[in-house]
Protein backbone atom coordinates (compact mmCIF):
# COMPACT_ATOMS: atom_id res chain seq x y z
CA MET A 1 0.00 0.00 0.00
CA GLN A 2 2.84 2.39 0.94
CA GLN A 3 4.58 1.63 -2.35
CA GLN A 4 1.36 2.42 -4.23
CA GLN A 5 0.95 5.75 -2.40
CA LEU A 6 4.60 6.65 -3.06
CA HIS A 7 4.16 5.82 -6.73
CA ALA A 8 1.05 8.00 -6.90
CA ARG A 9 2.85 10.96 -5.29
CA LEU A 10 5.80 10.58 -7.65
CA MET A 11 3.52 10.51 -10.66
CA LYS A 12 1.73 13.64 -9.42
CA CYS A 13 5.05 15.46 -9.01
CA LEU A 14 6.17 14.40 -12.45
CA SER A 15 2.92 15.57 -14.00
CA CYS A 16 3.34 19.00 -12.39
CA SER A 17 7.01 19.54 -13.20
CA HIS A 18 6.98 17.94 -16.62
CA SER A 19 3.49 18.76 -17.88
CA HIS A 20 4.94 19.36 -21.33
CA LEU A 21 5.95 15.74 -21.66
CA PRO A 22 3.56 13.33 -23.43
CA LEU A 23 1.68 10.93 -21.24
CA PRO A 24 2.53 7.24 -21.61
CA PRO A 25 0.10 5.27 -23.82
CA PRO A 26 -2.80 3.69 -21.95
CA ARG A 27 -2.51 0.03 -21.10
CA PRO A 28 -4.60 -2.26 -23.29
CA PRO A 29 -7.85 -3.30 -21.61
CA PRO A 30 -7.88 -6.60 -19.73
CA PHE A 31 -9.45 -9.63 -21.32
CA TYR A 32 -13.17 -9.31 -21.09
CA SER A 33 -15.97 -11.84 -21.28
CA LEU A 34 -19.70 -11.48 -20.83
CA GLN A 35 -19.57 -14.77 -18.95
CA ARG A 36 -18.52 -12.95 -15.76
CA PHE A 37 -21.98 -11.39 -15.73
CA ALA A 38 -23.77 -14.72 -16.00
CA SER A 39 -24.06 -15.31 -12.29
CA SER A 40 -27.12 -16.56 -10.51
CA GLN A 41 -27.33 -13.50 -8.29
CA PRO A 42 -30.70 -11.75 -8.34
CA LYS A 43 -31.19 -8.88 -10.76
CA GLY A 44 -30.20 -5.57 -9.28
CA GLN A 45 -27.42 -6.88 -7.02
CA TRP A 46 -23.94 -5.48 -7.59
CA GLN A 47 -20.79 -7.56 -7.46
CA GLU A 48 -17.25 -6.20 -7.22
CA THR A 49 -14.59 -7.29 -9.73
CA GLU A 50 -11.01 -6.28 -10.45
CA THR A 51 -12.01 -3.61 -12.91
CA LYS A 52 -15.34 -2.15 -11.79
CA MET A 53 -18.60 -2.65 -9.97
CA GLU A 54 -20.84 -4.71 -12.21
CA LEU A 55 -24.58 -5.13 -12.14
CA CYS A 56 -25.87 -8.64 -12.70
CA VAL A 57 -28.52 -8.58 -15.41
CA ALA A 58 -31.32 -10.90 -16.45
CA LYS A 59 -30.59 -13.66 -18.94
CA VAL A 60 -32.77 -14.59 -21.89
CA ILE A 61 -32.21 -18.28 -22.63
CA LEU A 62 -32.68 -19.40 -26.22
CA LYS A 63 -34.40 -22.60 -27.29
CA LYS A 64 -32.35 -25.52 -28.52
CA GLY A 65 -31.41 -25.09 -32.17
CA LYS A 66 -31.96 -21.31 -32.20
CA THR A 67 -28.58 -20.14 -30.92
CA GLN A 68 -26.56 -20.30 -34.14
CA LEU A 69 -28.94 -17.96 -35.98
CA PHE A 70 -28.12 -15.17 -33.55
CA LYS A 71 -24.44 -16.04 -33.18
CA ASP A 72 -24.22 -15.68 -36.96
CA GLY A 73 -25.49 -12.14 -36.59
CA SER A 74 -29.28 -12.04 -36.84
CA PRO A 75 -29.98 -9.05 -34.57
CA MET A 76 -33.58 -9.48 -33.46
CA VAL A 77 -34.55 -12.22 -31.03
CA TYR A 78 -38.21 -13.07 -31.58
CA SER A 79 -40.42 -14.47 -28.85
CA GLY A 80 -40.62 -17.93 -30.44
CA ALA A 81 -36.86 -18.39 -30.06
CA ILE A 82 -36.91 -17.88 -26.29
CA ASP A 83 -37.05 -20.80 -23.87
CA ARG A 84 -37.07 -18.93 -20.57
CA ILE A 85 -35.90 -15.81 -18.78
CA ILE A 86 -33.76 -15.93 -15.66
CA GLY A 87 -34.04 -12.93 -13.37
CA ARG A 88 -36.21 -11.73 -10.52
CA PRO A 89 -37.93 -9.40 -10.94
CA PRO A 90 -38.20 -10.04 -14.69
CA PRO A 91 -36.69 -7.45 -17.02
CA LYS A 92 -38.71 -4.43 -18.13
CA THR A 93 -38.85 -2.83 -21.57
CA GLY A 94 -35.60 -0.97 -22.14
CA ASP A 95 -33.52 -3.10 -19.75
CA ILE A 96 -30.19 -4.50 -20.84
CA VAL A 97 -30.25 -8.32 -20.83
CA LEU A 98 -27.82 -11.10 -21.62
CA VAL A 99 -28.82 -13.53 -24.35
CA ALA A 100 -27.59 -17.06 -23.64
CA ASP A 101 -27.63 -20.54 -25.14
CA GLY A 102 -29.29 -23.56 -23.51
CA THR A 103 -26.33 -24.03 -21.14
CA GLU A 104 -26.86 -20.43 -19.93
CA LYS A 105 -23.58 -19.29 -21.52
CA PRO A 106 -24.06 -15.76 -22.86
CA ILE A 107 -23.68 -15.24 -26.61
CA GLY A 108 -24.31 -11.48 -26.44
CA TRP A 109 -26.34 -8.70 -24.91
CA GLY A 110 -29.15 -6.49 -26.06
CA LEU A 111 -32.18 -4.43 -25.12
CA TYR A 112 -35.34 -6.11 -23.90
CA ASN A 113 -38.91 -5.32 -24.91
CA SER A 114 -41.77 -7.02 -23.09
CA VAL A 115 -44.37 -5.93 -25.67
CA SER A 116 -42.77 -6.26 -29.11
CA MET A 117 -42.66 -9.49 -31.11
CA PHE A 118 -38.90 -8.86 -31.10
CA CYS A 119 -38.17 -9.44 -27.41
CA VAL A 120 -34.49 -8.54 -27.65
CA ARG A 121 -32.55 -6.42 -30.12
CA LEU A 122 -29.00 -7.74 -29.93
CA MET A 123 -26.41 -5.00 -29.63
CA GLN A 124 -23.13 -6.85 -29.13
CA LEU A 125 -22.03 -10.48 -29.37
CA GLU A 126 -19.70 -12.21 -26.91
CA GLU A 127 -16.81 -12.20 -29.39
CA GLU A 128 -17.29 -8.47 -29.98
CA ALA A 129 -17.28 -7.75 -26.25
CA THR A 130 -14.01 -9.67 -25.99
CA ARG A 131 -12.43 -7.53 -28.71
CA ASP A 132 -13.92 -4.24 -27.56
CA PRO A 133 -14.80 -4.36 -23.85
CA SER A 134 -15.28 -0.60 -23.63
CA CYS A 135 -18.83 -0.91 -24.99
CA ALA A 136 -19.96 -4.00 -23.09
CA LEU A 137 -23.34 -3.45 -21.43
CA ASP A 138 -22.89 0.29 -21.96
CA MET A 139 -25.49 1.50 -24.44
CA GLU A 140 -24.34 5.11 -24.47
CA LYS A 141 -20.73 4.17 -25.21
CA LEU A 142 -21.93 1.70 -27.84
CA LEU A 143 -23.96 4.40 -29.59
CA GLU A 144 -21.00 6.74 -29.66
CA THR A 145 -18.64 4.07 -31.00
CA ARG A 146 -20.96 2.79 -33.67
CA ILE A 147 -22.13 6.13 -35.01
CA ASN A 148 -18.47 7.17 -35.28
CA ALA A 149 -17.75 3.92 -37.12
CA ALA A 150 -20.65 4.58 -39.51
CA VAL A 151 -19.22 8.03 -40.24
CA GLU A 152 -15.82 6.50 -41.05
CA LEU A 153 -17.37 3.91 -43.39
CA ARG A 154 -19.26 6.55 -45.36
CA ARG A 155 -16.16 8.69 -45.62
CA GLY A 156 -14.33 5.67 -46.98
CA LEU A 157 -17.07 5.39 -49.62
CA GLY A 158 -16.56 9.03 -50.59
CA LEU A 159 -19.62 10.41 -48.79
CA PRO A 160 -20.15 13.26 -48.49
CA SER A 161 -18.31 14.72 -51.49
CA ALA A 162 -18.19 17.87 -53.58
CA THR A 163 -20.94 16.46 -55.82
CA THR A 164 -23.06 14.51 -53.30
CA ASN A 165 -24.13 15.51 -49.79
CA ALA A 166 -27.30 13.39 -49.48
CA TYR A 167 -26.67 9.90 -48.13
CA ARG A 168 -27.57 7.34 -45.47
CA LEU A 169 -25.36 7.51 -42.40
CA VAL A 170 -26.87 4.69 -40.32
CA ASN A 171 -28.76 1.82 -41.94
CA SER A 172 -30.33 0.05 -38.97
CA GLU A 173 -29.38 -3.66 -39.06
CA GLY A 174 -27.24 -3.35 -42.18
CA ASP A 175 -23.87 -1.99 -41.10
CA ARG A 176 -21.09 -4.43 -40.24
CA LEU A 177 -17.67 -2.80 -40.18
CA ASN A 178 -13.98 -3.58 -39.95
CA ILE A 179 -12.37 -0.46 -38.51
CA SER A 180 -8.65 -0.08 -37.90
CA PHE A 181 -7.54 2.04 -34.94
CA ALA A 182 -3.76 2.43 -35.06
CA ASN A 183 -2.44 -1.12 -34.65
CA TRP A 184 -5.76 -2.54 -33.42
CA MET A 185 -8.17 -4.16 -35.83
CA LEU A 186 -11.65 -4.35 -34.35
CA LEU A 187 -14.63 -6.12 -35.86
CA LEU A 188 -17.63 -3.95 -35.05
CA HIS A 189 -21.00 -5.43 -35.87
CA CYS A 190 -22.22 -1.89 -36.24
CA ARG A 191 -25.89 -2.58 -35.94
CA LEU A 192 -28.32 -0.19 -34.42
CA SER A 193 -31.55 -2.04 -35.09
CA GLY A 194 -34.46 0.37 -35.45
CA LEU A 195 -32.31 3.46 -36.12
CA ILE A 196 -31.94 5.10 -39.54
CA VAL A 197 -30.11 8.37 -40.11
CA ASP A 198 -30.13 10.17 -43.47
CA VAL A 199 -27.89 13.19 -43.98
CA PHE A 200 -28.96 16.07 -46.24
CA GLY A 201 -26.17 18.62 -46.29
CA ASP A 202 -25.89 20.03 -42.75
CA LEU A 203 -29.16 18.41 -41.66
CA ALA A 204 -29.65 14.89 -40.31
CA VAL A 205 -33.05 13.16 -40.32
CA VAL A 206 -33.44 10.44 -37.70
CA ALA A 207 -36.07 7.78 -38.42
CA SER A 208 -36.88 5.94 -35.20
CA SER A 209 -38.71 2.60 -35.30
CA ALA A 210 -37.70 0.97 -31.99
CA ALA A 211 -38.53 1.81 -28.39
CA TRP A 212 -34.86 1.81 -27.39
CA VAL A 213 -34.13 4.60 -29.90
CA GLU A 214 -36.70 6.79 -28.18
CA THR A 215 -35.27 5.89 -24.77
CA TYR A 216 -31.77 6.96 -25.86
CA LYS A 217 -32.98 9.87 -27.95
CA SER A 218 -30.81 12.48 -26.22
CA LYS A 219 -27.65 10.39 -26.66
CA VAL A 220 -28.43 9.69 -30.32
CA LYS A 221 -28.85 13.41 -30.91
CA ALA A 222 -25.62 14.19 -29.04
CA CYS A 223 -23.64 11.71 -31.14
CA ILE A 224 -25.01 13.05 -34.41
CA SER A 225 -24.53 16.66 -33.32
CA SER A 226 -20.83 15.94 -32.78
CA ILE A 227 -20.35 15.25 -36.52
CA ASP A 228 -18.60 18.27 -38.01
CA GLU A 229 -20.94 18.99 -40.91
CA ILE A 230 -24.24 18.50 -39.02
CA ASN A 231 -25.96 21.65 -37.73
CA HIS A 232 -29.60 20.50 -37.52
CA ILE A 233 -31.39 17.30 -36.51
CA HIS A 234 -34.96 16.41 -37.48
CA TRP A 235 -36.48 13.58 -35.40
CA ARG A 236 -39.03 11.48 -37.28
CA PRO A 237 -40.59 8.64 -35.26
CA SER A 238 -42.42 5.83 -37.09
CA VAL A 239 -45.51 6.16 -34.92
CA GLU A 240 -47.41 3.03 -36.04
CA ILE A 241 -44.36 0.77 -35.64
CA LEU A 242 -43.53 2.30 -32.27
CA LYS A 243 -47.07 1.60 -31.07
CA GLU A 244 -46.32 -2.09 -31.72
CA GLU A 245 -43.21 -1.58 -29.58
CA GLY A 246 -45.48 -0.57 -26.70
CA MET A 247 -45.02 3.17 -26.95
CA ASP A 248 -47.77 5.72 -26.45
CA ALA A 249 -48.18 8.10 -29.39
CA ALA A 250 -48.45 11.00 -26.94
CA ASP A 251 -44.93 10.22 -25.68
CA LEU A 252 -43.53 10.61 -29.18
CA LYS A 253 -44.41 14.27 -29.52
CA GLU A 254 -41.58 16.77 -29.21
CA LEU A 255 -41.75 18.64 -25.89
CA HIS A 256 -40.11 21.67 -27.49
CA PRO A 257 -40.84 23.06 -30.96
CA SER A 258 -38.17 22.03 -33.46
CA THR A 259 -35.96 24.77 -34.83
CA CYS A 260 -35.00 22.52 -37.72
CA PRO A 261 -35.91 23.91 -41.17
CA GLN A 262 -38.71 22.01 -42.92
CA ARG A 263 -37.11 22.44 -46.33
CA THR A 264 -33.53 22.21 -47.45
CA LYS A 265 -31.42 21.77 -50.58
CA VAL A 266 -29.02 18.96 -51.38
CA ILE A 267 -26.77 17.93 -54.22
CA GLU A 268 -26.56 14.40 -55.63
CA ASN A 269 -24.18 13.48 -58.44
CA GLY A 270 -23.97 17.18 -59.32
CA ILE A 271 -27.76 17.65 -59.50
CA SER A 272 -29.45 19.98 -57.00
CA TYR A 273 -32.69 19.05 -55.23
CA ALA A 274 -35.07 20.98 -53.02
CA ILE A 275 -36.50 18.55 -50.48
CA SER A 276 -39.25 18.76 -47.90
CA LEU A 277 -38.91 17.07 -44.52
CA GLU A 278 -42.69 16.77 -44.47
CA GLY A 279 -42.52 14.51 -47.53
CA GLN A 280 -42.30 10.74 -47.78
CA LYS A 281 -39.92 8.67 -45.63
CA THR A 282 -37.06 10.91 -44.50
CA GLY A 283 -37.78 13.43 -47.29
CA PHE A 284 -35.57 12.08 -50.07
CA TYR A 285 -34.89 8.64 -51.57
CA ALA A 286 -31.10 8.49 -51.34
CA ASP A 287 -31.25 4.72 -51.95
CA GLN A 288 -31.82 5.20 -55.71
CA ARG A 289 -28.79 7.47 -56.17
CA GLU A 290 -26.69 5.04 -58.22
CA ASN A 291 -29.69 3.92 -60.29
CA ARG A 292 -30.58 7.52 -61.11
CA MET A 293 -27.01 8.18 -62.20
CA PHE A 294 -27.10 5.09 -64.46
CA LEU A 295 -30.30 6.35 -66.08
CA SER A 296 -28.57 9.60 -67.03
CA THR A 297 -26.03 7.61 -69.05
CA ILE A 298 -28.65 5.96 -71.28
CA SER A 299 -31.12 8.83 -71.76
CA HIS A 300 -29.50 10.89 -74.51
CA GLY A 301 -31.97 11.57 -77.31
CA GLN A 302 -34.66 9.38 -75.70
CA ARG A 303 -38.30 10.03 -74.82
CA VAL A 304 -38.56 9.26 -71.11
CA LEU A 305 -41.58 8.61 -68.87
CA ASP A 306 -41.13 8.68 -65.07
CA VAL A 307 -44.17 7.08 -63.39
CA CYS A 308 -44.56 7.71 -59.63
CA CYS A 309 -41.88 10.37 -60.04
CA TYR A 310 -42.13 11.98 -56.57
CA SER A 311 -39.85 15.05 -56.65
CA GLY A 312 -38.41 14.15 -60.06
CA GLY A 313 -35.22 12.24 -59.22
CA PHE A 314 -35.17 10.03 -62.30
CA ALA A 315 -36.66 12.74 -64.50
CA LEU A 316 -33.91 15.20 -63.55
CA ASN A 317 -31.21 12.66 -64.34
CA ALA A 318 -32.80 11.91 -67.70
CA ALA A 319 -32.84 15.63 -68.46
CA LYS A 320 -29.19 15.99 -67.42
CA GLY A 321 -28.38 13.02 -69.64
CA GLY A 322 -29.77 14.79 -72.69
CA ALA A 323 -33.22 13.19 -73.06
CA MET A 324 -35.33 14.55 -75.91
CA SER A 325 -38.42 14.84 -73.69
CA ILE A 326 -39.38 13.85 -70.15
CA THR A 327 -42.81 13.31 -68.61
CA GLY A 328 -43.25 12.80 -64.87
CA VAL A 329 -46.45 11.49 -63.26
CA ASP A 330 -47.43 11.45 -59.58
CA THR A 331 -50.53 11.88 -57.42
CA SER A 332 -48.86 14.16 -54.85
CA LEU A 333 -49.19 17.86 -55.59
CA PRO A 334 -46.45 18.90 -53.08
CA ALA A 335 -44.07 16.37 -54.69
CA LEU A 336 -44.80 17.72 -58.17
CA GLU A 337 -44.23 21.27 -56.99
CA LEU A 338 -40.81 20.19 -55.73
CA ALA A 339 -40.13 18.49 -59.08
CA ARG A 340 -40.91 21.66 -61.01
CA GLU A 341 -38.79 23.67 -58.59
CA ASN A 342 -35.92 21.23 -59.15
CA ILE A 343 -36.06 21.75 -62.91
CA ALA A 344 -35.56 25.49 -62.38
CA LEU A 345 -32.93 24.89 -59.71
CA ASN A 346 -30.78 23.05 -62.25
CA ASN A 347 -31.40 25.48 -65.13
CA LEU A 348 -32.96 22.72 -67.23
CA ASP A 349 -35.21 23.42 -70.21
CA PRO A 350 -38.80 23.49 -68.88
CA GLU A 351 -40.09 22.97 -72.42
CA LYS A 352 -38.61 19.46 -72.48
CA THR A 353 -39.99 18.39 -69.11
CA SER A 354 -43.61 18.19 -67.93
CA PHE A 355 -45.05 16.94 -64.65
CA LEU A 356 -48.65 15.73 -64.42
CA ARG A 357 -50.79 15.03 -61.37
CA GLU A 358 -52.57 11.77 -62.13
CA ASP A 359 -52.97 8.24 -60.86
CA ALA A 360 -50.38 5.93 -62.43
CA THR A 361 -52.90 3.34 -63.66
CA VAL A 362 -55.26 5.98 -65.06
CA PHE A 363 -52.41 7.76 -66.84
CA MET A 364 -50.99 4.59 -68.43
CA LYS A 365 -54.42 3.39 -69.57
CA GLY A 366 -55.04 6.80 -71.12
CA ALA A 367 -51.65 6.73 -72.87
CA LEU A 368 -52.42 3.27 -74.20
CA SER A 369 -55.76 4.42 -75.60
CA ARG A 370 -53.95 7.26 -77.42
CA ASN A 371 -51.23 4.90 -78.70
CA ASP A 372 -48.59 6.93 -76.86
CA SER A 373 -45.25 5.23 -76.17
CA TRP A 374 -41.85 6.08 -74.76
CA ASP A 375 -38.30 4.85 -75.35
CA ILE A 376 -37.58 4.58 -71.61
CA VAL A 377 -40.18 4.10 -68.86
CA ILE A 378 -39.37 4.21 -65.14
CA LEU A 379 -41.94 2.67 -62.80
CA ASP A 380 -41.17 3.27 -59.12
CA PRO A 381 -44.42 2.80 -57.16
CA PRO A 382 -44.77 3.22 -53.38
CA LYS A 383 -44.45 0.21 -51.08
CA LEU A 384 -47.27 -2.14 -52.11
CA ALA A 385 -46.31 -5.04 -49.83
CA PRO A 386 -45.43 -3.60 -46.40
CA ARG A 387 -45.86 -7.06 -44.87
CA ARG A 388 -45.44 -10.61 -46.08
CA LYS A 389 -49.09 -11.46 -45.43
CA VAL A 390 -50.19 -9.06 -48.18
CA LEU A 391 -47.53 -10.21 -50.69
CA GLN A 392 -49.97 -12.19 -52.82
CA SER A 393 -52.34 -9.30 -53.38
CA ALA A 394 -49.42 -6.91 -53.84
CA SER A 395 -47.94 -9.20 -56.49
CA GLY A 396 -51.13 -8.76 -58.49
CA MET A 397 -50.82 -4.96 -58.25
CA TYR A 398 -47.18 -5.07 -59.34
CA ARG A 399 -48.12 -7.35 -62.24
CA ASN A 400 -50.92 -5.07 -63.43
CA LEU A 401 -48.83 -1.89 -63.19
CA ASN A 402 -45.87 -3.44 -65.00
CA SER A 403 -48.09 -4.91 -67.69
CA LEU A 404 -49.39 -1.42 -68.49
CA ALA A 405 -45.86 -0.01 -68.37
CA MET A 406 -44.66 -2.63 -70.85
CA LYS A 407 -47.52 -1.85 -73.23
CA ILE A 408 -46.54 1.83 -73.41
CA THR A 409 -42.83 1.06 -73.80
CA GLY A 410 -41.88 1.16 -77.48
CA ARG A 411 -40.72 -2.17 -78.92
CA GLY A 412 -37.03 -2.48 -78.21
CA GLY A 413 -37.36 0.19 -75.52
CA LEU A 414 -36.37 -0.02 -71.87
CA LEU A 415 -38.41 -0.39 -68.69
CA MET A 416 -36.76 0.31 -65.33
CA SER A 417 -39.08 -1.38 -62.85
CA CYS A 418 -38.66 -0.86 -59.11
CA SER A 419 -40.04 -2.34 -55.91
CA CYS A 420 -39.28 -0.89 -52.48
CA SER A 421 -41.31 -3.62 -50.73
CA GLY A 422 -39.03 -5.72 -48.58
CA ALA A 423 -41.48 -8.62 -48.68
CA MET A 424 -41.32 -8.68 -52.49
CA THR A 425 -37.53 -8.37 -52.73
CA GLN A 426 -36.91 -10.97 -50.02
CA SER A 427 -39.35 -13.43 -51.58
CA GLY A 428 -37.24 -13.55 -54.74
CA THR A 429 -40.40 -13.42 -56.85
CA PHE A 430 -40.11 -9.96 -58.40
CA LEU A 431 -38.64 -11.27 -61.66
CA ARG A 432 -41.36 -13.90 -61.84
CA THR A 433 -43.94 -11.17 -61.32
CA LEU A 434 -42.37 -9.16 -64.17
CA GLN A 435 -42.48 -12.24 -66.39
CA GLY A 436 -46.17 -12.60 -65.56
CA ALA A 437 -46.66 -8.95 -66.48
CA ALA A 438 -44.93 -9.53 -69.82
CA SER A 439 -47.24 -12.45 -70.58
CA MET A 440 -50.27 -10.33 -69.71
CA ALA A 441 -48.99 -7.54 -71.98
CA GLU A 442 -48.13 -10.05 -74.74
CA ARG A 443 -44.57 -8.78 -74.80
CA LYS A 444 -41.16 -10.42 -74.40
CA ILE A 445 -38.59 -9.11 -71.93
CA THR A 446 -34.85 -9.44 -71.42
CA VAL A 447 -33.11 -8.53 -68.16
CA LEU A 448 -30.27 -6.07 -68.79
CA ARG A 449 -29.43 -4.94 -65.25
CA GLN A 450 -30.37 -5.80 -61.68
CA SER A 451 -29.61 -3.48 -58.79
CA GLY A 452 -30.71 -2.38 -55.35
CA ALA A 453 -29.92 0.41 -52.93
CA GLY A 454 -26.66 2.35 -53.00
CA CYS A 455 -23.48 1.35 -51.17
CA ASP A 456 -24.41 3.53 -48.19
CA HIS A 457 -27.33 1.13 -47.56
CA PRO A 458 -25.32 -2.00 -46.62
CA ILE A 459 -27.02 -5.36 -46.12
CA ASP A 460 -25.84 -8.02 -43.69
CA PRO A 461 -26.20 -11.52 -45.23
CA SER A 462 -27.11 -12.88 -41.80
CA TYR A 463 -30.13 -10.57 -41.84
CA PRO A 464 -31.54 -10.77 -45.39
CA GLU A 465 -34.68 -9.00 -44.18
CA GLY A 466 -32.65 -5.81 -44.53
CA ALA A 467 -32.87 -6.03 -48.33
CA TYR A 468 -35.87 -4.12 -49.63
CA LEU A 469 -35.13 -2.31 -52.93
CA SER A 470 -35.22 -3.99 -56.33
CA ASN A 471 -34.35 -2.10 -59.50
CA ILE A 472 -34.50 -4.14 -62.71
CA LEU A 473 -33.84 -2.81 -66.20
CA LEU A 474 -35.71 -4.69 -68.92
CA ARG A 475 -35.63 -4.56 -72.68
CA VAL A 476 -39.20 -4.85 -73.90
CA LEU A 477 -39.89 -6.48 -77.28
């Protein structure tokens, strides 16, 4: 003890007299394992260890045969995978819990929800906690680490850049990163299930669809505010989904009026857009960025039709690419007003571009009756299959819409058909639906290109449910 005190006094003297000298590097953290928390002590009791005081937490025990799915990385533990819960009193919504196999050995930790069909959203696996103990069972530290990692990944992908400042910063379950810190290589399963952050210039839009995101709202905002280019944050809760998470809609209202602007301007691949935060989703579909850019490369001299055009993303790229004429169709008047504003914003010829407010089916049937046709048709309807149980009926709607689109595509022309329905993309039946549409239209099709969301919307193979966007380019004969 005396030696320790002497050492402390010496170090204090050294720090005072040699404050200009660099401090020695910190010692690497001791080996860490979640197993030390898997004691049988009742929930709420603290136990002292070498490194810190640790709170024993409840354990969610998985059923036999279910463990590997989550060890492989699937982030959401559904109720049917749970055998039992150890802990008295039982955990409450928002509590940190250990997730363990049948032998009660922890495989990771996450946040519990007593109401949702997803009882636990896994935040860190055992192997991750071993590599990076600083975040273990510490949600605030985990948020800080993972949002910083997401920033580094996007910067590595060239986002933002001089020509693009609209992109996705956090993609819920999708991000899985290898980040190198000096000589340390850490595997960060950078998942923040239920949290999406889109960046539009100096403004970040947070889409919240999990109760834990609302619980840690202030920390999420603090982490995003620390990013150099961000000056404003717009919080956008998915109210209907959060109700299923057990949240009261009244609790989701902002206590203080937001000072965030409701409109802003962004640039994507050199094209400027005015966007409204009161519009669909987060206000702008950054996921189609690479597909819009591709369209610009094939539009020169073509007659282009953009069906369900929203604020004119594809139409603007066709115009920039030198299309002969562009027609955009949508039912939303505010979206069409933005589209017209975007034409002026980019100094494009308004005589070549027209936007019409009309239902997609009504417009295409009318065009067919007039024998109108286009060289390139883009069909990007809203989400028709929000859930798997409505996939069959949605498939019929997709088939009917695409059949009409094929009929008004000139022979040898191109149809870019899109689906943003996760249930459709994950079912693997979109191409079959398009083939059915071709048969209905009495046309033949050839697949020229298949794509999805941009590289800032990563997908984890262990969680294929994260895939939602299909973009297929067809030649129609």
